[in-house]
N, C-alpha and C. Protein backbone atom coordinates (compact mmCIF):
# COMPACT_ATOMS: atom_id res chain seq x y z
N MET A 1 184.23 132.93 280.97
CA MET A 1 182.86 132.94 281.46
C MET A 1 182.17 131.66 281.00
N VAL A 2 181.50 130.99 281.93
CA VAL A 2 180.85 129.73 281.63
C VAL A 2 179.35 129.97 281.48
N HIS A 3 178.80 129.51 280.36
CA HIS A 3 177.36 129.62 280.13
C HIS A 3 176.73 128.26 280.39
N LYS A 4 175.68 128.25 281.21
CA LYS A 4 174.96 127.02 281.46
C LYS A 4 173.71 127.01 280.61
N ASN A 5 173.55 126.00 279.82
CA ASN A 5 172.37 125.87 278.98
C ASN A 5 171.30 125.10 279.73
N ALA A 6 170.06 125.38 279.40
CA ALA A 6 168.93 124.66 279.94
C ALA A 6 168.11 124.15 278.76
N ALA A 7 167.42 123.05 278.97
CA ALA A 7 166.61 122.47 277.91
C ALA A 7 165.14 122.77 278.18
N LEU A 8 164.36 122.82 277.10
CA LEU A 8 162.91 122.95 277.22
C LEU A 8 162.31 121.60 276.85
N ALA A 9 161.60 120.99 277.78
CA ALA A 9 161.03 119.66 277.56
C ALA A 9 159.52 119.76 277.39
N CYS A 10 159.01 118.98 276.47
CA CYS A 10 157.57 118.91 276.21
C CYS A 10 156.88 118.27 277.42
N THR A 11 155.77 118.85 277.86
CA THR A 11 155.06 118.31 279.01
C THR A 11 154.19 117.12 278.63
N VAL A 12 153.94 116.92 277.34
CA VAL A 12 153.09 115.80 276.90
C VAL A 12 153.92 114.53 276.74
N CYS A 13 154.99 114.59 275.92
CA CYS A 13 155.77 113.39 275.64
C CYS A 13 157.10 113.35 276.38
N GLY A 14 157.55 114.49 276.93
CA GLY A 14 158.77 114.51 277.71
C GLY A 14 160.06 114.70 276.92
N SER A 15 159.98 114.85 275.59
CA SER A 15 161.19 115.01 274.79
C SER A 15 161.74 116.41 274.95
N ARG A 16 163.07 116.52 274.95
CA ARG A 16 163.74 117.81 275.09
C ARG A 16 164.04 118.34 273.70
N ASN A 17 163.23 119.31 273.26
CA ASN A 17 163.28 119.77 271.88
C ASN A 17 164.10 121.04 271.68
N TYR A 18 164.22 121.88 272.70
CA TYR A 18 164.88 123.17 272.55
C TYR A 18 165.89 123.38 273.65
N THR A 19 166.95 124.15 273.36
CA THR A 19 167.91 124.55 274.39
C THR A 19 167.93 126.07 274.45
N ILE A 20 168.10 126.58 275.67
CA ILE A 20 168.15 128.02 275.89
C ILE A 20 169.33 128.34 276.79
N THR A 21 169.76 129.59 276.77
CA THR A 21 170.77 130.09 277.70
C THR A 21 170.07 131.08 278.61
N PRO A 22 169.84 130.71 279.87
CA PRO A 22 169.15 131.63 280.79
C PRO A 22 169.95 132.90 281.01
N THR A 23 169.28 134.04 280.98
CA THR A 23 169.96 135.32 281.13
C THR A 23 169.84 135.88 282.54
N GLU A 24 168.75 135.56 283.22
CA GLU A 24 168.54 136.09 284.57
C GLU A 24 169.03 135.06 285.59
N LYS A 25 169.96 135.45 286.43
CA LYS A 25 170.49 134.52 287.43
C LYS A 25 169.63 134.48 288.69
N SER A 26 168.85 135.53 288.94
CA SER A 26 168.06 135.59 290.15
C SER A 26 166.65 135.03 289.96
N ARG A 27 166.39 134.43 288.83
CA ARG A 27 165.05 133.88 288.54
C ARG A 27 164.82 132.61 289.36
N THR A 28 163.67 132.48 289.98
CA THR A 28 163.38 131.32 290.81
C THR A 28 162.41 130.35 290.13
N LYS A 29 161.54 130.85 289.26
CA LYS A 29 160.59 129.98 288.58
C LYS A 29 161.16 129.50 287.26
N ARG A 30 160.75 128.32 286.85
CA ARG A 30 161.21 127.77 285.59
C ARG A 30 160.36 128.31 284.44
N LEU A 31 161.00 128.50 283.32
CA LEU A 31 160.35 129.07 282.15
C LEU A 31 159.33 128.08 281.58
N GLU A 32 158.15 128.58 281.19
CA GLU A 32 157.11 127.78 280.55
C GLU A 32 156.63 128.52 279.31
N VAL A 33 156.73 127.87 278.15
CA VAL A 33 156.30 128.47 276.88
C VAL A 33 155.62 127.43 276.01
N LYS A 34 154.70 127.91 275.17
CA LYS A 34 154.09 127.02 274.19
C LYS A 34 154.96 127.01 272.94
N LYS A 35 155.48 125.82 272.59
CA LYS A 35 156.34 125.67 271.42
C LYS A 35 155.86 124.45 270.65
N PHE A 36 156.35 124.33 269.41
CA PHE A 36 155.97 123.20 268.57
C PHE A 36 156.81 121.99 268.93
N CYS A 37 156.17 120.86 269.20
CA CYS A 37 156.86 119.60 269.46
C CYS A 37 156.77 118.75 268.20
N ARG A 38 157.91 118.39 267.64
CA ARG A 38 157.89 117.62 266.39
C ARG A 38 157.48 116.17 266.62
N TYR A 39 157.58 115.68 267.85
CA TYR A 39 157.17 114.31 268.13
C TYR A 39 155.66 114.21 268.35
N CYS A 40 155.07 115.23 268.97
CA CYS A 40 153.61 115.27 269.14
C CYS A 40 152.94 115.86 267.90
N ALA A 41 153.70 116.58 267.08
CA ALA A 41 153.21 117.24 265.86
C ALA A 41 152.15 118.29 266.16
N LYS A 42 152.31 119.00 267.31
CA LYS A 42 151.41 120.09 267.64
C LYS A 42 152.09 121.01 268.64
N HIS A 43 151.48 122.17 268.89
CA HIS A 43 152.00 123.11 269.87
C HIS A 43 151.61 122.65 271.28
N THR A 44 152.60 122.48 272.13
CA THR A 44 152.37 122.03 273.50
C THR A 44 153.16 122.91 274.46
N LEU A 45 152.86 122.78 275.74
CA LEU A 45 153.58 123.53 276.76
C LEU A 45 154.93 122.88 276.99
N HIS A 46 155.99 123.70 276.97
CA HIS A 46 157.34 123.21 277.24
C HIS A 46 157.84 123.89 278.51
N LYS A 47 158.45 123.10 279.41
CA LYS A 47 158.99 123.62 280.66
C LYS A 47 160.50 123.48 280.67
N GLU A 48 161.13 124.43 281.37
CA GLU A 48 162.59 124.44 281.46
C GLU A 48 163.08 123.30 282.36
N THR A 49 164.12 122.60 281.90
CA THR A 49 164.77 121.57 282.69
C THR A 49 166.24 121.92 282.82
N LYS A 50 166.96 121.18 283.60
CA LYS A 50 168.41 121.44 283.76
C LYS A 50 169.19 120.80 282.65
């Protein structure tokens, strides 16, 4: 079984800080969460990338 990982990128600086393994295959929207960005040094919105 092959797992495809996705990255979470900061919307402010664009750095990819987190990786996730998507569990839902039928999901059409990309995940958006507020996480801590170590480059911005604050909590920012992170969006899922490929």
